[in-house]
C-alpha atoms as a PDB file:
ATOM      1  CA  MET A   1      77.072 142.359  85.768  1.00  0.00           C
ATOM      2  CA  GLY A   2      78.454 138.861  86.313  1.00  0.00           C
ATOM      3  CA  PHE A   3      75.377 138.036  88.393  1.00  0.00           C
ATOM      4  CA  LEU A   4      73.066 139.042  85.535  1.00  0.00           C
ATOM      5  CA  ARG A   5      75.061 137.023  83.024  1.00  0.00           C
ATOM      6  CA  LYS A   6      74.904 133.935  85.259  1.00  0.00           C
ATOM      7  CA  ARG A   7      71.180 134.428  85.898  1.00  0.00           C
ATOM      8  CA  TYR A   8      70.485 134.793  82.163  1.00  0.00           C
ATOM      9  CA  ARG A   9      72.477 131.631  81.406  1.00  0.00           C
ATOM     10  CA  ASN A  10      70.426 129.703  84.013  1.00  0.00           C
ATOM     11  CA  ILE A  11      67.163 130.955  82.515  1.00  0.00           C
ATOM     12  CA  ARG A  12      68.306 129.859  79.046  1.00  0.00           C
ATOM     13  CA  MET A  13      69.234 126.411  80.379  1.00  0.00           C
ATOM     14  CA  GLU A  14      65.875 126.048  82.137  1.00  0.00           C
ATOM     15  CA  THR A  15      64.041 127.214  79.011  1.00  0.00           C
ATOM     16  CA  GLY A  16      65.926 124.709  76.880  1.00  0.00           C
ATOM     17  CA  ASN A  17      64.971 121.926  79.265  1.00  0.00           C
ATOM     18  CA  PHE A  18      61.333 123.083  79.236  1.00  0.00           C
ATOM     19  CA  PHE A  19      61.338 123.159  75.434  1.00  0.00           C
ATOM     20  CA  GLU A  20      62.683 119.597  75.317  1.00  0.00           C
ATOM     21  CA  GLN A  21      59.934 118.458  77.706  1.00  0.00           C
ATOM     22  CA  VAL A  22      57.356 120.113  75.438  1.00  0.00           C
ATOM     23  CA  TYR A  23      58.853 118.345  72.413  1.00  0.00           C
ATOM     24  CA  GLN A  24      58.708 114.977  74.178  1.00  0.00           C
ATOM     25  CA  ILE A  25      54.980 115.433  74.672  1.00  0.00           C
ATOM     26  CA  VAL A  26      54.338 116.707  71.150  1.00  0.00           C
ATOM     27  CA  ARG A  27      56.096 113.648  69.700  1.00  0.00           C
ATOM     28  CA  GLN A  28      53.466 111.505  71.482  1.00  0.00           C
ATOM     29  CA  ILE A  29      50.428 113.157  69.851  1.00  0.00           C
ATOM     30  CA  PRO A  30      48.846 110.483  67.649  1.00  0.00           C
ATOM     31  CA  GLU A  31      48.395 111.145  63.942  1.00  0.00           C
ATOM     32  CA  GLY A  32      44.976 112.638  63.259  1.00  0.00           C
ATOM     33  CA  ARG A  33      44.716 114.145  66.751  1.00  0.00           C
ATOM     34  CA  VAL A  34      45.543 117.575  68.213  1.00  0.00           C
ATOM     35  CA  THR A  35      46.255 119.054  71.609  1.00  0.00           C
ATOM     36  CA  SER A  36      46.563 122.569  72.960  1.00  0.00           C
ATOM     37  CA  TYR A  37      49.349 124.719  74.349  1.00  0.00           C
ATOM     38  CA  GLY A  38      47.565 124.786  77.705  1.00  0.00           C
ATOM     39  CA  ALA A  39      47.109 121.006  77.855  1.00  0.00           C
ATOM     40  CA  ILE A  40      50.841 120.552  77.304  1.00  0.00           C
ATOM     41  CA  ALA A  41      51.634 123.119  80.000  1.00  0.00           C
ATOM     42  CA  ARG A  42      49.282 121.380  82.464  1.00  0.00           C
ATOM     43  CA  ALA A  43      50.834 117.984  81.708  1.00  0.00           C
ATOM     44  CA  LEU A  44      54.224 119.450  82.592  1.00  0.00           C
ATOM     45  CA  GLY A  45      52.902 120.832  85.878  1.00  0.00           C
ATOM     46  CA  ALA A  46      53.199 124.400  84.601  1.00  0.00           C
ATOM     47  CA  ALA A  47      49.541 125.304  84.050  1.00  0.00           C
ATOM     48  CA  GLY A  48      50.223 129.007  83.599  1.00  0.00           C
ATOM     49  CA  SER A  49      52.876 128.498  80.942  1.00  0.00           C
ATOM     50  CA  SER A  50      50.898 127.980  77.745  1.00  0.00           C
ATOM     51  CA  ARG A  51      52.615 131.011  76.206  1.00  0.00           C
ATOM     52  CA  MET A  52      56.006 129.429  76.907  1.00  0.00           C
ATOM     53  CA  VAL A  53      54.759 126.253  75.200  1.00  0.00           C
ATOM     54  CA  GLY A  54      53.953 128.497  72.245  1.00  0.00           C
ATOM     55  CA  TRP A  55      57.512 129.810  72.259  1.00  0.00           C
ATOM     56  CA  ALA A  56      58.758 126.234  72.251  1.00  0.00           C
ATOM     57  CA  MET A  57      56.538 125.447  69.287  1.00  0.00           C
ATOM     58  CA  ARG A  58      57.816 128.507  67.446  1.00  0.00           C
ATOM     59  CA  ALA A  59      61.363 127.115  67.863  1.00  0.00           C
ATOM     60  CA  ALA A  60      60.317 123.554  67.020  1.00  0.00           C
ATOM     61  CA  HIS A  61      61.940 123.625  63.587  1.00  0.00           C
ATOM     62  CA  THR A  62      65.285 123.231  65.396  1.00  0.00           C
ATOM     63  CA  ALA A  63      64.226 120.069  67.272  1.00  0.00           C
ATOM     64  CA  HIS A  64      65.773 116.737  66.410  1.00  0.00           C
ATOM     65  CA  PRO A  65      64.230 114.331  65.865  1.00  0.00           C
ATOM     66  CA  PRO A  66      61.525 116.420  64.202  1.00  0.00           C
ATOM     67  CA  ILE A  67      58.234 116.977  65.971  1.00  0.00           C
ATOM     68  CA  PRO A  68      54.678 117.186  64.598  1.00  0.00           C
ATOM     69  CA  ALA A  69      54.214 120.825  65.611  1.00  0.00           C
ATOM     70  CA  HIS A  70      51.149 121.131  63.366  1.00  0.00           C
ATOM     71  CA  ARG A  71      49.207 119.058  65.924  1.00  0.00           C
ATOM     72  CA  VAL A  72      49.324 121.825  68.555  1.00  0.00           C
ATOM     73  CA  VAL A  73      46.522 124.390  68.412  1.00  0.00           C
ATOM     74  CA  ASN A  74      44.958 126.875  70.806  1.00  0.00           C
ATOM     75  CA  ARG A  75      42.382 125.988  73.462  1.00  0.00           C
ATOM     76  CA  ILE A  76      39.434 126.164  71.065  1.00  0.00           C
ATOM     77  CA  GLY A  77      41.099 124.450  68.113  1.00  0.00           C
ATOM     78  CA  VAL A  78      42.209 127.499  66.143  1.00  0.00           C
ATOM     79  CA  LEU A  79      45.405 127.164  64.106  1.00  0.00           C
ATOM     80  CA  SER A  80      46.942 130.087  65.964  1.00  0.00           C
ATOM     81  CA  GLY A  81      50.523 129.030  65.142  1.00  0.00           C
ATOM     82  CA  LYS A  82      50.033 128.691  61.398  1.00  0.00           C
ATOM     83  CA  MET A  83      52.313 131.597  60.484  1.00  0.00           C
ATOM     84  CA  ALA A  84      55.291 129.800  62.071  1.00  0.00           C
ATOM     85  CA  PHE A  85      55.148 127.236  59.256  1.00  0.00           C
ATOM     86  CA  GLY A  86      56.436 129.642  56.621  1.00  0.00           C
ATOM     87  CA  SER A  87      53.180 129.392  54.694  1.00  0.00           C
ATOM     88  CA  PRO A  88      49.745 130.412  55.958  1.00  0.00           C
ATOM     89  CA  THR A  89      48.259 127.166  54.593  1.00  0.00           C
ATOM     90  CA  LEU A  90      50.885 124.523  55.438  1.00  0.00           C
ATOM     91  CA  MET A  91      49.627 123.766  58.961  1.00  0.00           C
ATOM     92  CA  GLN A  92      46.113 123.224  57.628  1.00  0.00           C
ATOM     93  CA  LYS A  93      47.367 121.007  54.800  1.00  0.00           C
ATOM     94  CA  LEU A  94      49.376 118.852  57.205  1.00  0.00           C
ATOM     95  CA  LEU A  95      46.336 118.370  59.452  1.00  0.00           C
ATOM     96  CA  GLU A  96      44.056 117.646  56.505  1.00  0.00           C
ATOM     97  CA  ASN A  97      46.575 115.051  55.261  1.00  0.00           C
ATOM     98  CA  GLU A  98      46.003 113.289  58.602  1.00  0.00           C
ATOM     99  CA  GLY A  99      42.233 113.241  58.055  1.00  0.00           C
ATOM    100  CA  LEU A 100      41.228 116.303  60.075  1.00  0.00           C
ATOM    101  CA  THR A 101      38.744 118.845  58.768  1.00  0.00           C
ATOM    102  CA  ILE A 102      39.660 122.508  59.106  1.00  0.00           C
ATOM    103  CA  ILE A 103      37.009 125.191  58.666  1.00  0.00           C
ATOM    104  CA  ASP A 104      37.975 128.869  58.837  1.00  0.00           C
ATOM    105  CA  ASP A 105      41.342 128.070  60.483  1.00  0.00           C
ATOM    106  CA  GLN A 106      39.706 125.941  63.196  1.00  0.00           C
ATOM    107  CA  VAL A 107      39.710 122.181  63.747  1.00  0.00           C
ATOM    108  CA  ALA A 108      36.209 120.823  63.142  1.00  0.00           C
ATOM    109  CA  ASP A 109      34.961 118.405  65.816  1.00  0.00           C
ATOM    110  CA  PHE A 110      37.751 119.668  68.056  1.00  0.00           C
ATOM    111  CA  ALA A 111      36.472 117.865  71.176  1.00  0.00           C
ATOM    112  CA  ASP A 112      36.418 114.551  69.307  1.00  0.00           C
ATOM    113  CA  VAL A 113      40.011 114.787  68.021  1.00  0.00           C
ATOM    114  CA  PHE A 114      41.515 116.442  71.101  1.00  0.00           C
ATOM    115  CA  TRP A 115      44.321 114.430  72.726  1.00  0.00           C
ATOM    116  CA  GLU A 116      44.958 115.007  76.425  1.00  0.00           C
ATOM    117  CA  PRO A 117      48.597 114.488  77.417  1.00  0.00           C
ATOM    118  CA  ALA A 118      49.154 112.465  80.559  1.00  0.00           C
ATOM    119  CA  SER A 119      50.148 114.425  83.664  1.00  0.00           C
ATOM    120  CA  GLY A 120      53.883 114.296  84.171  1.00  0.00           C
ATOM    121  CA  ALA A 121      54.403 113.423  80.497  1.00  0.00           C
ATOM    122  CA  GLY A 122      57.650 114.427  78.932  1.00  0.00           C
ATOM    123  CA  GLY A 123      59.686 114.523  82.066  1.00  0.00           C
END
C-alpha cells in the first residue's frame, strides 16, 4: 500500500508540473489568436497528451497568475471547453471581445488566427 501511495504522489507531482508547463504556453498566446490542445501537447514534446492538456485547462481557474484559457480550442477550432467557463456563452464572448468571429461554436477563419507554440515552449 505504501508503494501505491508513493506512486500516486509522484503522478500528482508530475501532473502538476505538466499543468504549469501548459499554463506557461497558454500565457504566451497573443490576444486575438487561438491554439489547440494538441499544438500545446506537441510543443511540450508530449504529442499524445492533448487530453491531459484539456485536463490542465479545466483546472486553469486555479492558476496564478491567471491564464487566457478561452484561447485554447480543439484541433478544428471548436469551443469544446466552453462548459468549463461556468456559462455556455462566456468563452465565445471573451474571444469576440478580442476581435474573433465565432459561428456555431467554432472560430471562423481558424487557420488565419491559429497560433503555433514554439517547440520546447513552457519548459
